[in-house]
Amino acid sequence: MSDSPLLTIEGLKTHFHTDQGVARAVDDVSLSVMERETLGIVGESGCGKSVTALSIMRLLAEPAGRIVAGRIKFAGHQDLVTASEAEMRAIRGNEMSMIFQEPMSSLNPIFSAGSQIAEVLLEHQKITRRETQERVVEMLRMVGVASPELRARNYPHQMSGGMRQRVMIAMALACRPKLMLADEPTTALDVTIQAQILDLMNKLKQDVGTAIILITHNMGVVAEMAQRVCVMYAGVIVEEADVKTIFARPLHPYTVGLLESLPGRGGLPRKRSRLKAIPGIVPNLLELGTGCRFASRCEHVHEPCRIAEPPLVPPDGATSAAHRTRCWLHVAPDRQLDRASALSAN
């Protein structure tokens, strides 16, 4: 396994141009994913998780949504941002694949499950139609579909939600990609099926060796699946660390708020009927100010927070750069105003 990242994103900015103005959905995001690693990206709806994934796959609804800055380096390719559409078609589904949030709307209702998996194989693999059919059955069996020969002829409406999600996973893994992006893969499923799908993804990760970017708002799923976590808020990463550190020692007030809203977290008795909620609302991405994006909802807000947005850096005094946060609370008090003023001037 290589020591260099499989995927590196540097300063990604994805904006949506609307009649009301420019929405900075992803605003200067940088992250990396190692081979065979699961990276969790968490945050509430509208924070930029899915747009980050769509930017990586180059599946944005253009011309309204487009990448305006940044680089995406993947598996030896120079830069996916500047790659041609023909180059991206050769990568998508082959070296990099995606599981979408709702399989019923992602699968084509007029084609059978088997034919949709076969399409991926025929597009990217030099194999015969007979070999393709054998691989379709093999993939359905691999993802735990009973009677795969019969199920391959079923249409999406003839399958349960969990079965459709397994078909989506089979499609995503058909060409044994190096990276799989999973966008809320268990949201529409009941708890029992959720557990089965997560166990399946973990098993397939070990068998196939695929790295995973897991996009979710469910911190429990992150705890079970991920090795590292990026917490997003209003288009930026506000904290990044390994999964154990995020749960044991969160630094950003937003991360703390997410964890305290879970039953049994932060000293909250499980028997209490009301969970602790983060006050306020997410800022309008069309009207972002110059300060910290979480300032209007933060109980620790002070002067530097209103002057400039803090950088994503290790806290002062940290011995490792693996834990980074975007918060003035973790900059030495005597340096906060000077650094905020300097950033504001730039």
Protein backbone atom coordinates (compact mmCIF):
# COMPACT_ATOMS: atom_id res chain seq x y z
CA MET A 1 0.00 0.00 0.00
CA SER A 2 1.39 3.42 -1.01
CA ASP A 3 2.22 6.06 1.60
CA SER A 4 0.93 8.82 -0.68
CA PRO A 5 -2.79 9.71 -0.61
CA LEU A 6 -5.13 8.10 -3.12
CA LEU A 7 -7.13 11.35 -3.33
CA THR A 8 -5.97 14.87 -2.51
CA ILE A 9 -8.23 17.92 -2.65
CA GLU A 10 -6.58 21.34 -2.42
CA GLY A 11 -8.53 24.56 -1.92
CA LEU A 12 -11.73 23.33 -3.61
CA LYS A 13 -14.37 26.01 -4.21
CA THR A 14 -17.69 25.05 -5.76
CA HIS A 15 -20.20 27.86 -6.22
CA PHE A 16 -23.78 27.99 -7.46
CA HIS A 17 -24.73 31.07 -9.47
CA THR A 18 -28.37 31.96 -8.84
CA ASP A 19 -30.68 34.90 -9.54
CA GLN A 20 -30.19 35.98 -5.92
CA GLY A 21 -26.39 35.83 -6.03
CA VAL A 22 -23.53 33.35 -5.63
CA ALA A 23 -23.92 30.55 -3.08
CA ARG A 24 -20.52 29.32 -1.86
CA ALA A 25 -21.59 25.72 -1.27
CA VAL A 26 -18.01 24.46 -0.92
CA ASP A 27 -15.53 27.16 0.02
CA ASP A 28 -11.82 26.31 0.20
CA VAL A 29 -12.02 22.64 1.21
CA SER A 30 -8.81 20.61 1.44
CA LEU A 31 -8.66 16.93 2.44
CA SER A 32 -7.00 13.65 1.56
CA VAL A 33 -7.93 9.96 1.51
CA MET A 34 -5.46 7.10 1.82
CA GLU A 35 -5.78 3.72 0.10
CA ARG A 36 -8.22 1.33 1.88
CA GLU A 37 -9.23 4.12 4.28
CA THR A 38 -12.77 5.18 5.21
CA LEU A 39 -13.06 8.95 5.61
CA GLY A 40 -16.30 10.21 7.16
CA ILE A 41 -17.65 13.62 6.15
CA VAL A 42 -20.33 14.76 8.58
CA GLY A 43 -22.52 17.79 9.14
CA GLU A 44 -26.13 18.91 8.95
CA SER A 45 -28.07 19.26 5.70
CA GLY A 46 -26.76 22.02 3.44
CA CYS A 47 -23.22 22.04 4.83
CA GLY A 48 -21.60 21.03 1.52
CA LYS A 49 -21.04 17.28 1.99
CA SER A 50 -22.85 16.08 -1.13
CA VAL A 51 -21.59 18.98 -3.26
CA THR A 52 -18.04 18.00 -2.32
CA ALA A 53 -18.71 14.45 -3.57
CA LEU A 54 -20.37 15.68 -6.77
CA SER A 55 -17.39 17.97 -7.36
CA ILE A 56 -14.99 15.02 -7.05
CA MET A 57 -17.09 13.05 -9.55
CA ARG A 58 -17.58 16.13 -11.76
CA LEU A 59 -21.35 15.62 -11.73
CA LEU A 60 -22.41 19.17 -10.89
CA ALA A 61 -25.49 20.70 -12.49
CA GLU A 62 -23.73 23.11 -14.83
CA PRO A 63 -23.69 25.96 -15.67
CA ALA A 64 -25.30 27.07 -12.39
CA GLY A 65 -22.97 24.95 -10.28
CA ARG A 66 -19.29 24.85 -11.10
CA ILE A 67 -15.85 24.48 -9.59
CA VAL A 68 -14.26 27.94 -9.52
CA ALA A 69 -10.96 27.09 -7.80
CA GLY A 70 -8.90 24.24 -6.43
CA ARG A 71 -7.32 20.97 -7.51
CA ILE A 72 -8.43 17.33 -7.20
CA LYS A 73 -5.60 14.82 -7.65
CA PHE A 74 -6.64 11.17 -7.82
CA ALA A 75 -4.62 7.97 -8.27
CA GLY A 76 -1.91 9.47 -10.44
CA HIS A 77 -4.23 11.63 -12.56
CA GLN A 78 -2.96 15.21 -12.79
CA ASP A 79 -6.11 17.17 -11.91
CA LEU A 80 -9.74 16.08 -12.20
CA VAL A 81 -10.88 19.72 -12.21
CA THR A 82 -9.27 20.31 -15.61
CA ALA A 83 -9.83 16.79 -17.01
CA SER A 84 -11.91 16.50 -20.17
CA GLU A 85 -15.37 14.92 -20.09
CA ALA A 86 -14.01 11.91 -22.00
CA GLU A 87 -11.32 11.43 -19.36
CA MET A 88 -13.90 11.68 -16.56
CA ARG A 89 -16.16 9.10 -18.25
CA ALA A 90 -13.22 6.69 -18.27
CA ILE A 91 -12.66 7.28 -14.53
CA ARG A 92 -16.27 7.35 -13.28
CA GLY A 93 -17.63 3.88 -12.59
CA ASN A 94 -14.23 2.35 -13.24
CA GLU A 95 -11.57 3.81 -10.93
CA MET A 96 -14.02 5.85 -8.87
CA SER A 97 -17.71 5.22 -8.20
CA MET A 98 -20.58 6.64 -6.18
CA ILE A 99 -23.54 5.29 -4.21
CA PHE A 100 -26.32 7.87 -4.22
CA GLN A 101 -28.67 8.65 -1.37
CA GLU A 102 -31.93 7.29 -2.76
CA PRO A 103 -31.62 4.11 -4.87
CA MET A 104 -35.19 4.30 -6.19
CA SER A 105 -34.43 7.57 -7.96
CA SER A 106 -30.87 6.55 -8.90
CA LEU A 107 -31.78 3.28 -10.64
CA ASN A 108 -33.49 3.47 -14.02
CA PRO A 109 -37.05 2.10 -13.59
CA ILE A 110 -37.32 0.74 -17.17
CA PHE A 111 -34.22 -1.48 -17.03
CA SER A 112 -33.64 -4.59 -14.95
CA ALA A 113 -31.13 -4.55 -12.11
CA GLY A 114 -28.84 -6.94 -13.97
CA SER A 115 -28.81 -4.87 -17.16
CA GLN A 116 -27.82 -1.76 -15.20
CA ILE A 117 -24.88 -3.55 -13.56
CA ALA A 118 -23.95 -5.01 -16.97
CA GLU A 119 -23.88 -1.54 -18.51
CA VAL A 120 -21.10 -0.50 -16.12
CA LEU A 121 -19.04 -3.58 -17.00
CA LEU A 122 -19.53 -3.24 -20.76
CA GLU A 123 -18.55 0.43 -20.63
CA HIS A 124 -15.23 -0.14 -18.86
CA GLN A 125 -14.21 -3.81 -19.15
CA LYS A 126 -13.11 -5.68 -22.28
CA ILE A 127 -15.20 -8.78 -21.69
CA THR A 128 -17.82 -10.68 -23.67
CA ARG A 129 -21.55 -10.48 -22.99
CA ARG A 130 -21.50 -14.01 -21.57
CA GLU A 131 -18.69 -13.05 -19.17
CA THR A 132 -20.64 -9.91 -18.32
CA GLN A 133 -23.71 -11.89 -17.28
CA GLU A 134 -21.56 -14.15 -15.14
CA ARG A 135 -19.99 -11.11 -13.47
CA VAL A 136 -23.44 -9.58 -12.84
CA VAL A 137 -24.55 -12.71 -10.98
CA GLU A 138 -21.23 -12.80 -9.13
CA MET A 139 -21.59 -9.17 -8.01
CA LEU A 140 -25.18 -9.68 -6.81
CA ARG A 141 -24.08 -12.75 -4.88
CA MET A 142 -21.15 -10.79 -3.40
CA VAL A 143 -23.48 -8.12 -1.99
CA GLY A 144 -25.71 -10.72 -0.38
CA VAL A 145 -28.61 -10.91 -2.84
CA ALA A 146 -30.40 -14.26 -2.61
CA SER A 147 -31.15 -16.09 -5.88
CA PRO A 148 -28.99 -13.62 -7.88
CA GLU A 149 -29.82 -15.22 -11.25
CA LEU A 150 -33.50 -14.46 -10.70
CA ARG A 151 -32.97 -11.04 -9.06
CA ALA A 152 -30.85 -9.89 -12.00
CA ARG A 153 -34.05 -9.94 -14.10
CA ASN A 154 -36.06 -7.92 -11.57
CA TYR A 155 -36.87 -4.25 -12.04
CA PRO A 156 -36.24 -1.68 -9.24
CA HIS A 157 -39.94 -1.46 -8.30
CA GLN A 158 -39.95 -5.21 -7.63
CA MET A 159 -37.28 -4.87 -4.94
CA SER A 160 -37.24 -3.63 -1.36
CA GLY A 161 -35.25 -0.54 -0.35
CA GLY A 162 -32.46 -2.65 1.11
CA MET A 163 -32.30 -4.81 -2.03
CA ARG A 164 -32.12 -1.73 -4.28
CA GLN A 165 -29.28 -0.35 -2.17
CA ARG A 166 -27.40 -3.65 -2.57
CA VAL A 167 -27.83 -3.35 -6.34
CA MET A 168 -26.37 0.17 -6.16
CA ILE A 169 -23.39 -1.15 -4.21
CA ALA A 170 -22.95 -3.97 -6.76
CA MET A 171 -22.92 -1.38 -9.56
CA ALA A 172 -20.43 0.79 -7.67
CA LEU A 173 -18.06 -2.13 -7.06
CA ALA A 174 -18.48 -3.93 -10.40
CA CYS A 175 -15.15 -2.67 -11.78
CA ARG A 176 -13.39 -2.88 -8.40
CA PRO A 177 -12.76 0.88 -8.10
CA LYS A 178 -9.99 2.40 -6.02
CA LEU A 179 -12.40 4.87 -4.40
CA MET A 180 -16.12 4.73 -3.61
CA LEU A 181 -18.15 7.74 -2.50
CA ALA A 182 -21.20 6.79 -0.43
CA ASP A 183 -23.69 9.65 -0.03
CA GLU A 184 -26.01 8.87 2.91
CA PRO A 185 -26.18 5.18 1.84
CA THR A 186 -28.51 4.12 4.69
CA THR A 187 -30.77 7.17 5.13
CA ALA A 188 -33.96 5.71 3.62
CA LEU A 189 -33.58 2.29 5.25
CA ASP A 190 -34.88 0.92 8.54
CA VAL A 191 -32.41 0.30 11.36
CA THR A 192 -32.00 -3.44 10.74
CA ILE A 193 -31.29 -2.98 7.02
CA GLN A 194 -28.96 -0.06 7.83
CA ALA A 195 -26.81 -2.37 9.96
CA GLN A 196 -26.74 -5.00 7.21
CA ILE A 197 -25.66 -2.45 4.58
CA LEU A 198 -22.91 -1.04 6.82
CA ASP A 199 -21.61 -4.53 7.60
CA LEU A 200 -21.67 -5.30 3.88
CA MET A 201 -19.69 -2.15 3.03
CA ASN A 202 -17.09 -2.98 5.66
CA LYS A 203 -16.74 -6.55 4.37
CA LEU A 204 -16.48 -5.47 0.74
CA LYS A 205 -13.91 -2.85 1.67
CA GLN A 206 -11.73 -5.61 3.10
CA ASP A 207 -12.35 -7.99 0.18
CA VAL A 208 -12.00 -5.51 -2.69
CA GLY A 209 -9.58 -3.01 -1.09
CA THR A 210 -11.63 0.04 -2.01
CA ALA A 211 -11.21 3.32 -0.10
CA ILE A 212 -14.50 4.95 0.97
CA ILE A 213 -15.65 8.51 1.48
CA LEU A 214 -18.73 8.14 3.68
CA ILE A 215 -21.04 11.16 3.67
CA THR A 216 -23.56 11.23 6.49
CA HIS A 217 -25.19 13.25 9.24
CA ASN A 218 -25.31 10.16 11.49
CA MET A 219 -22.46 10.23 14.02
CA GLY A 220 -23.21 6.64 15.02
CA VAL A 221 -22.52 5.46 11.47
CA VAL A 222 -19.25 7.42 11.50
CA ALA A 223 -18.17 5.80 14.78
CA GLU A 224 -18.75 2.35 13.30
CA MET A 225 -17.30 2.85 9.82
CA ALA A 226 -14.67 5.60 9.63
CA GLN A 227 -11.00 5.88 10.54
CA ARG A 228 -10.86 9.67 10.09
CA VAL A 229 -13.55 12.34 10.15
CA CYS A 230 -14.02 15.76 8.55
CA VAL A 231 -16.77 17.89 10.12
CA MET A 232 -18.30 20.39 7.68
CA TYR A 233 -20.32 23.50 8.40
CA ALA A 234 -21.61 26.10 5.90
CA GLY A 235 -19.27 25.01 3.13
CA VAL A 236 -16.01 24.62 5.07
CA ILE A 237 -14.29 21.94 7.14
CA VAL A 238 -14.35 23.08 10.77
CA GLU A 239 -12.58 20.07 12.30
CA GLU A 240 -10.58 17.06 11.14
CA ALA A 241 -9.16 14.20 13.23
CA ASP A 242 -9.16 10.43 13.62
CA VAL A 243 -12.50 9.03 14.72
CA LYS A 244 -11.46 8.23 18.30
CA THR A 245 -10.16 11.76 18.86
CA ILE A 246 -13.31 13.36 17.43
CA PHE A 247 -15.50 11.49 19.91
CA ALA A 248 -13.14 11.71 22.90
CA ARG A 249 -11.76 15.25 22.48
CA PRO A 250 -13.74 17.42 20.05
CA LEU A 251 -12.38 20.97 19.77
CA HIS A 252 -14.76 22.99 17.61
CA PRO A 253 -18.00 24.17 19.31
CA TYR A 254 -20.00 22.85 16.35
CA THR A 255 -18.52 19.35 16.71
CA VAL A 256 -19.20 19.50 20.45
CA GLY A 257 -22.80 20.51 19.68
CA LEU A 258 -23.27 17.61 17.26
CA LEU A 259 -22.05 15.11 19.85
CA GLU A 260 -24.07 16.64 22.70
CA SER A 261 -27.23 16.27 20.62
CA LEU A 262 -26.81 12.48 20.71
CA PRO A 263 -28.65 10.48 23.40
CA GLY A 264 -26.35 9.66 26.30
CA ARG A 265 -23.61 12.13 25.25
CA GLY A 266 -22.20 15.07 27.17
CA GLY A 267 -23.60 13.92 30.50
CA LEU A 268 -27.13 13.91 29.14
CA PRO A 269 -29.19 11.16 30.83
CA ARG A 270 -30.82 8.77 28.37
CA LYS A 271 -34.13 9.07 30.19
CA ARG A 272 -34.46 12.79 29.42
CA SER A 273 -37.05 13.39 26.75
CA ARG A 274 -35.40 16.50 25.25
CA LEU A 275 -31.97 16.44 23.64
CA LYS A 276 -29.65 19.42 23.64
CA ALA A 277 -29.95 21.31 20.35
CA ILE A 278 -27.60 23.79 18.70
CA PRO A 279 -29.35 27.19 18.81
CA GLY A 280 -29.95 29.33 15.75
CA ILE A 281 -29.87 28.42 12.06
CA VAL A 282 -27.24 27.80 9.41
CA PRO A 283 -26.13 31.08 7.78
CA ASN A 284 -27.38 31.97 4.31
CA LEU A 285 -24.64 30.95 1.87
CA LEU A 286 -25.57 33.94 -0.29
CA GLU A 287 -24.82 36.36 2.55
CA LEU A 288 -21.73 35.08 4.33
CA GLY A 289 -19.86 37.69 6.35
CA THR A 290 -16.16 38.01 7.04
CA GLY A 291 -16.03 36.32 10.47
CA CYS A 292 -16.45 32.76 11.68
CA ARG A 293 -19.45 31.10 10.03
CA PHE A 294 -20.55 29.53 13.31
CA ALA A 295 -20.34 32.79 15.29
CA SER A 296 -24.10 33.49 15.32
CA ARG A 297 -24.78 30.10 16.98
CA CYS A 298 -21.72 29.83 19.25
CA GLU A 299 -21.87 30.42 23.00
CA HIS A 300 -18.11 31.13 23.05
CA VAL A 301 -18.15 33.90 20.42
CA HIS A 302 -15.77 36.83 21.10
CA GLU A 303 -14.17 39.71 19.20
CA PRO A 304 -11.78 37.84 16.84
CA CYS A 305 -14.68 35.60 15.69
CA ARG A 306 -16.42 38.62 14.15
CA ILE A 307 -13.30 40.02 12.49
CA ALA A 308 -12.09 37.09 10.36
CA GLU A 309 -12.72 33.43 9.71
CA PRO A 310 -10.09 31.33 11.52
CA PRO A 311 -7.80 29.04 9.49
CA LEU A 312 -8.04 25.23 9.70
CA VAL A 313 -4.90 24.47 11.72
CA PRO A 314 -3.74 22.31 14.65
CA PRO A 315 -4.53 23.97 18.01
CA ASP A 316 -1.71 25.96 19.60
CA GLY A 317 0.57 23.65 21.55
CA ALA A 318 -0.48 20.53 19.63
CA THR A 319 2.21 17.91 19.12
CA SER A 320 0.57 16.50 15.97
CA ALA A 321 -0.89 18.07 12.83
CA ALA A 322 -3.40 15.22 12.50
CA HIS A 323 -6.04 17.09 14.54
CA ARG A 324 -7.03 20.39 12.94
CA THR A 325 -9.78 22.83 13.84
CA ARG A 326 -11.14 26.15 12.54
CA CYS A 327 -11.69 28.03 15.81
CA TRP A 328 -10.12 31.07 17.52
CA LEU A 329 -10.59 29.39 20.91
CA HIS A 330 -7.61 27.17 20.11
CA VAL A 331 -5.25 30.00 19.19
CA ALA A 332 -3.27 31.52 22.09
CA PRO A 333 -5.31 34.48 23.50
CA ASP A 334 -2.46 36.97 23.03
CA ARG A 335 -2.29 36.09 19.30
CA GLN A 336 -5.99 35.94 18.42
CA LEU A 337 -6.64 39.59 17.57
CA ASP A 338 -3.39 40.01 15.66
CA ARG A 339 -4.00 36.93 13.53
CA ALA A 340 -7.68 37.80 12.94
CA SER A 341 -6.77 41.36 11.91
CA ALA A 342 -4.07 40.10 9.55
CA LEU A 343 -6.48 37.65 7.89
CA SER A 344 -9.12 40.34 7.59
CA ALA A 345 -6.63 42.68 5.91
CA ASN A 346 -5.85 40.03 3.32
